[in-house]
């Protein structure tokens, strides 16, 4: 039995690797879009503009209050019905997960920006920097150190959330595993393998995030001691 299970795993491995690569590609697209969009969203969230605050808060609450699965179904099934826009499953998954990831990254960026001393912004303004120059050359570089650990945690969540794409027909690793199970009936073996593959993908990111967070915390404590 063990031998047959091992043989099945060896035979299924190329198909599982192909599904894993599809998951990685999907996650990579979402991570890039979430990071770029999240930087802009975080800056807008940190703005003192009342109207920007209302708009960004509304957008944030929509993605926090409504499950991602509902958004996936809305975009995949609703856009063709209401707007005549027919998105492929992969593109739909990238769009929805990126829009959600953008809110998560954006909140990290906002938190890092508002945690900076007010004197940094005032100093930049006093030397005549434009708002764009102020963020690019002064605020964002300083906030970057504070953003990295929590943003990596967001990346981990994006990788795990790609599994929802199976429900709109995207052939990522979960869908690949289901296809193998339908053909062989070996659900315990295949789902156990999927569990290990997701662990291999996400655990290094979690470890990296913790190490960076500890390193930054120790660096901050050392800076306080030196200042004292």
Protein backbone atom coordinates (compact mmCIF):
# COMPACT_ATOMS: atom_id res chain seq x y z
CA UNK A 1 0.00 0.00 0.00
CA UNK A 2 2.80 2.35 0.96
CA UNK A 3 4.65 1.42 -2.20
CA UNK A 4 1.62 2.04 -4.40
CA UNK A 5 1.03 5.39 -2.68
CA UNK A 6 4.64 6.36 -3.24
CA UNK A 7 4.43 5.27 -6.88
CA UNK A 8 1.26 7.35 -7.35
CA UNK A 9 2.99 10.37 -5.83
CA UNK A 10 5.95 10.00 -8.18
CA UNK A 11 3.66 9.69 -11.20
CA UNK A 12 1.56 12.67 -10.09
CA UNK A 13 4.52 14.86 -9.20
CA UNK A 14 4.93 16.52 -12.64
CA UNK A 15 1.26 17.50 -12.65
CA UNK A 16 1.48 18.81 -9.08
CA UNK A 17 4.60 20.81 -9.93
CA UNK A 18 2.77 22.33 -12.90
CA UNK A 19 -0.11 23.34 -10.61
CA UNK A 20 2.37 24.72 -8.08
CA UNK A 21 3.99 26.88 -10.75
CA UNK A 22 0.57 28.21 -11.73
CA UNK A 23 -0.06 29.09 -8.07
CA UNK A 24 3.31 30.85 -7.86
CA UNK A 25 2.64 32.83 -11.05
CA UNK A 26 -0.81 33.85 -9.79
CA UNK A 27 0.62 34.84 -6.40
CA UNK A 28 3.48 36.78 -8.02
CA UNK A 29 1.12 38.83 -10.20
CA UNK A 30 -1.04 39.58 -7.16
CA UNK A 31 1.94 40.49 -4.96
CA UNK A 32 3.37 42.91 -7.53
CA UNK A 33 0.00 44.59 -8.17
CA UNK A 34 -0.83 44.69 -4.45
CA UNK A 35 2.52 46.26 -3.61
CA UNK A 36 2.36 48.96 -6.26
CA UNK A 37 -1.31 49.73 -5.64
CA UNK A 38 -0.85 49.48 -1.88
CA UNK A 39 1.88 52.12 -1.85
CA UNK A 40 -0.43 54.58 -3.60
CA UNK A 41 -3.43 53.57 -1.48
CA UNK A 42 -1.41 53.91 1.74
CA UNK A 43 -0.24 57.40 0.82
CA UNK A 44 -3.81 58.42 0.02
CA UNK A 45 -5.02 56.91 3.30
CA UNK A 46 -2.42 58.93 5.19
CA UNK A 47 -3.58 62.13 3.51
CA UNK A 48 -5.41 64.74 5.59
CA UNK A 49 -7.93 65.33 2.82
CA UNK A 50 -11.44 64.67 4.07
CA UNK A 51 -12.76 63.45 0.71
CA UNK A 52 -9.82 61.16 0.12
CA UNK A 53 -10.34 59.82 3.62
CA UNK A 54 -13.99 59.03 2.92
CA UNK A 55 -13.29 57.40 -0.46
CA UNK A 56 -10.37 55.27 0.71
CA UNK A 57 -12.16 54.25 3.91
CA UNK A 58 -15.21 53.18 1.91
CA UNK A 59 -13.05 51.12 -0.44
CA UNK A 60 -11.23 49.55 2.50
CA UNK A 61 -14.44 48.61 4.32
CA UNK A 62 -15.94 47.06 1.18
CA UNK A 63 -13.07 44.58 0.95
CA UNK A 64 -12.95 44.02 4.70
CA UNK A 65 -16.69 43.46 5.09
CA UNK A 66 -17.37 41.32 2.01
CA UNK A 67 -15.60 37.93 1.72
CA UNK A 68 -13.07 37.57 -1.08
CA UNK A 69 -14.99 34.59 -2.42
CA UNK A 70 -18.05 36.80 -2.96
CA UNK A 71 -15.90 39.30 -4.84
CA UNK A 72 -14.50 36.50 -7.01
CA UNK A 73 -18.01 35.32 -7.91
CA UNK A 74 -19.19 38.88 -8.50
CA UNK A 75 -16.38 39.68 -10.94
CA UNK A 76 -16.41 36.28 -12.66
CA UNK A 77 -20.19 35.83 -13.01
CA UNK A 78 -21.50 39.38 -12.52
CA UNK A 79 -19.36 41.37 -14.96
CA UNK A 80 -20.57 39.40 -18.03
CA UNK A 81 -24.19 39.77 -16.93
CA UNK A 82 -24.24 43.43 -15.90
CA UNK A 83 -21.48 44.98 -18.01
CA UNK A 84 -20.80 42.49 -20.82
CA UNK A 85 -17.19 42.06 -19.67
CA UNK A 86 -16.07 38.42 -19.72
CA UNK A 87 -12.82 37.97 -17.80
CA UNK A 88 -10.90 34.66 -17.87
CA UNK A 89 -10.68 32.96 -14.50
CA UNK A 90 -6.97 33.68 -14.09
CA UNK A 91 -7.34 37.41 -14.88
CA UNK A 92 -10.36 37.64 -12.59
CA UNK A 93 -8.41 36.03 -9.72
CA UNK A 94 -5.47 38.40 -10.25
CA UNK A 95 -7.80 41.41 -10.29
CA UNK A 96 -9.77 40.52 -7.16
CA UNK A 97 -6.82 39.34 -5.08
CA UNK A 98 -4.83 42.42 -6.11
CA UNK A 99 -7.68 44.78 -5.16
CA UNK A 100 -7.92 43.05 -1.79
CA UNK A 101 -4.15 42.86 -1.32
CA UNK A 102 -3.87 46.54 -2.12
CA UNK A 103 -6.01 47.39 0.91
CA UNK A 104 -3.88 45.18 3.17
CA UNK A 105 -0.56 46.60 1.94
CA UNK A 106 -2.04 50.10 1.97
CA UNK A 107 -2.94 49.87 5.65
CA UNK A 108 0.61 48.77 6.44
CA UNK A 109 1.99 51.73 4.47
CA UNK A 110 -0.42 54.13 6.17
CA UNK A 111 0.53 52.84 9.62
CA UNK A 112 4.23 53.21 8.87
CA UNK A 113 3.81 56.73 7.50
CA UNK A 114 1.75 58.10 10.37
CA UNK A 115 4.19 56.57 12.88
CA UNK A 116 7.04 58.77 11.59
CA UNK A 117 7.91 61.86 13.65
CA UNK A 118 6.06 64.95 12.40
CA UNK A 119 9.35 66.81 12.24
CA UNK A 120 10.41 64.73 9.22
CA UNK A 121 7.55 66.07 7.11
CA UNK A 122 7.98 69.59 8.41
CA UNK A 123 11.71 69.50 7.63
CA UNK A 124 11.04 68.41 4.05
CA UNK A 125 8.45 71.12 3.57
CA UNK A 126 10.78 73.74 5.01
CA UNK A 127 13.37 73.13 2.28
CA UNK A 128 10.75 73.45 -0.45
CA UNK A 129 10.10 69.81 -1.36
CA UNK A 130 6.91 69.12 -3.28
CA UNK A 131 4.49 66.53 -1.84
CA UNK A 132 5.77 63.95 -4.35
CA UNK A 133 9.42 64.67 -3.50
CA UNK A 134 8.60 64.60 0.19
CA UNK A 135 7.16 61.09 0.01
CA UNK A 136 9.74 59.70 -2.44
CA UNK A 137 12.88 61.12 -0.82
CA UNK A 138 11.97 61.52 2.85
CA UNK A 139 8.91 59.69 4.17
CA UNK A 140 8.70 56.41 2.22
CA UNK A 141 12.41 55.50 2.60
CA UNK A 142 12.13 55.94 6.37
CA UNK A 143 8.82 54.06 6.56
CA UNK A 144 10.20 51.17 4.50
CA UNK A 145 11.99 49.52 7.43
CA UNK A 146 8.77 49.49 9.43
CA UNK A 147 6.72 48.19 6.51
CA UNK A 148 8.78 45.16 5.46
CA UNK A 149 7.83 42.57 8.15
CA UNK A 150 4.03 43.15 8.05
CA UNK A 151 4.04 43.37 4.25
CA UNK A 152 5.73 39.97 4.06
CA UNK A 153 2.90 38.63 6.24
CA UNK A 154 0.45 40.04 3.69
CA UNK A 155 2.36 38.22 0.93
CA UNK A 156 1.96 34.96 2.86
CA UNK A 157 -1.79 35.52 3.10
CA UNK A 158 -1.97 36.25 -0.64
CA UNK A 159 -0.22 32.95 -1.44
CA UNK A 160 -2.70 31.03 0.74
CA UNK A 161 -5.72 32.93 -0.58
CA UNK A 162 -4.89 31.98 -4.19
CA UNK A 163 -6.48 28.63 -3.33
CA UNK A 164 -9.90 30.31 -3.72
CA UNK A 165 -9.21 30.68 -7.45
CA UNK A 166 -10.09 27.02 -7.89
CA UNK A 167 -13.76 27.97 -7.41
CA UNK A 168 -13.79 29.99 -10.63
CA UNK A 169 -12.00 27.33 -12.66
CA UNK A 170 -8.35 28.38 -12.35
CA UNK A 171 -6.14 25.30 -12.61
CA UNK A 172 -3.77 26.07 -9.75
CA UNK A 173 -2.38 23.51 -7.31
CA UNK A 174 -5.69 22.81 -5.49
CA UNK A 175 -7.51 22.20 -8.78
CA UNK A 176 -4.65 19.97 -9.93
CA UNK A 177 -4.89 17.97 -6.72
CA UNK A 178 -8.64 17.56 -7.13
CA UNK A 179 -8.16 16.29 -10.67
CA UNK A 180 -5.68 13.68 -9.44
CA UNK A 181 -8.05 12.64 -6.63
CA UNK A 182 -10.95 12.25 -9.08
CA UNK A 183 -8.76 9.99 -11.19
CA UNK A 184 -7.17 7.91 -8.41
CA UNK A 185 -9.37 8.26 -5.32
CA UNK A 186 -6.27 8.87 -3.13
CA UNK A 187 -7.60 11.93 -1.29
CA UNK A 188 -5.55 11.57 1.92
CA UNK A 189 -2.25 11.23 0.08
CA UNK A 190 -2.85 14.09 -2.35
CA UNK A 191 -4.30 16.52 0.19
CA UNK A 192 -1.44 15.66 2.53
CA UNK A 193 1.00 16.52 -0.27
CA UNK A 194 -0.81 19.80 -0.93
CA UNK A 195 -0.57 20.61 2.77
CA UNK A 196 3.20 20.09 2.67
CA UNK A 197 3.60 22.14 -0.52
CA UNK A 198 1.72 25.11 0.95
CA UNK A 199 3.80 24.80 4.10
CA UNK A 200 7.00 24.86 2.03
CA UNK A 201 5.75 27.98 0.22
CA UNK A 202 4.55 29.97 3.21
CA UNK A 203 6.72 28.96 6.16
CA UNK A 204 9.95 30.58 4.84
CA UNK A 205 8.06 33.86 4.40
CA UNK A 206 6.77 33.66 7.98
CA UNK A 207 10.26 32.96 9.32
CA UNK A 208 11.70 35.83 7.27
CA UNK A 209 9.05 38.20 8.60
CA UNK A 210 9.77 37.26 12.23
CA UNK A 211 13.52 37.59 11.78
CA UNK A 212 13.21 41.00 10.17
CA UNK A 213 10.82 42.16 12.87
CA UNK A 214 13.19 41.01 15.63
CA UNK A 215 16.16 42.59 13.88
CA UNK A 216 14.38 45.91 13.48
CA UNK A 217 13.19 45.82 17.10
CA UNK A 218 16.72 45.17 18.37
CA UNK A 219 18.05 47.91 16.11
CA UNK A 220 15.48 50.33 17.53
CA UNK A 221 16.34 49.39 21.13
CA UNK A 222 20.06 49.84 20.40
CA UNK A 223 19.33 53.27 18.91
CA UNK A 224 17.42 54.29 22.02
CA UNK A 225 20.30 53.16 24.26
CA UNK A 226 22.83 55.05 22.15
CA UNK A 227 20.69 58.17 22.26
CA UNK A 228 20.34 57.86 26.02
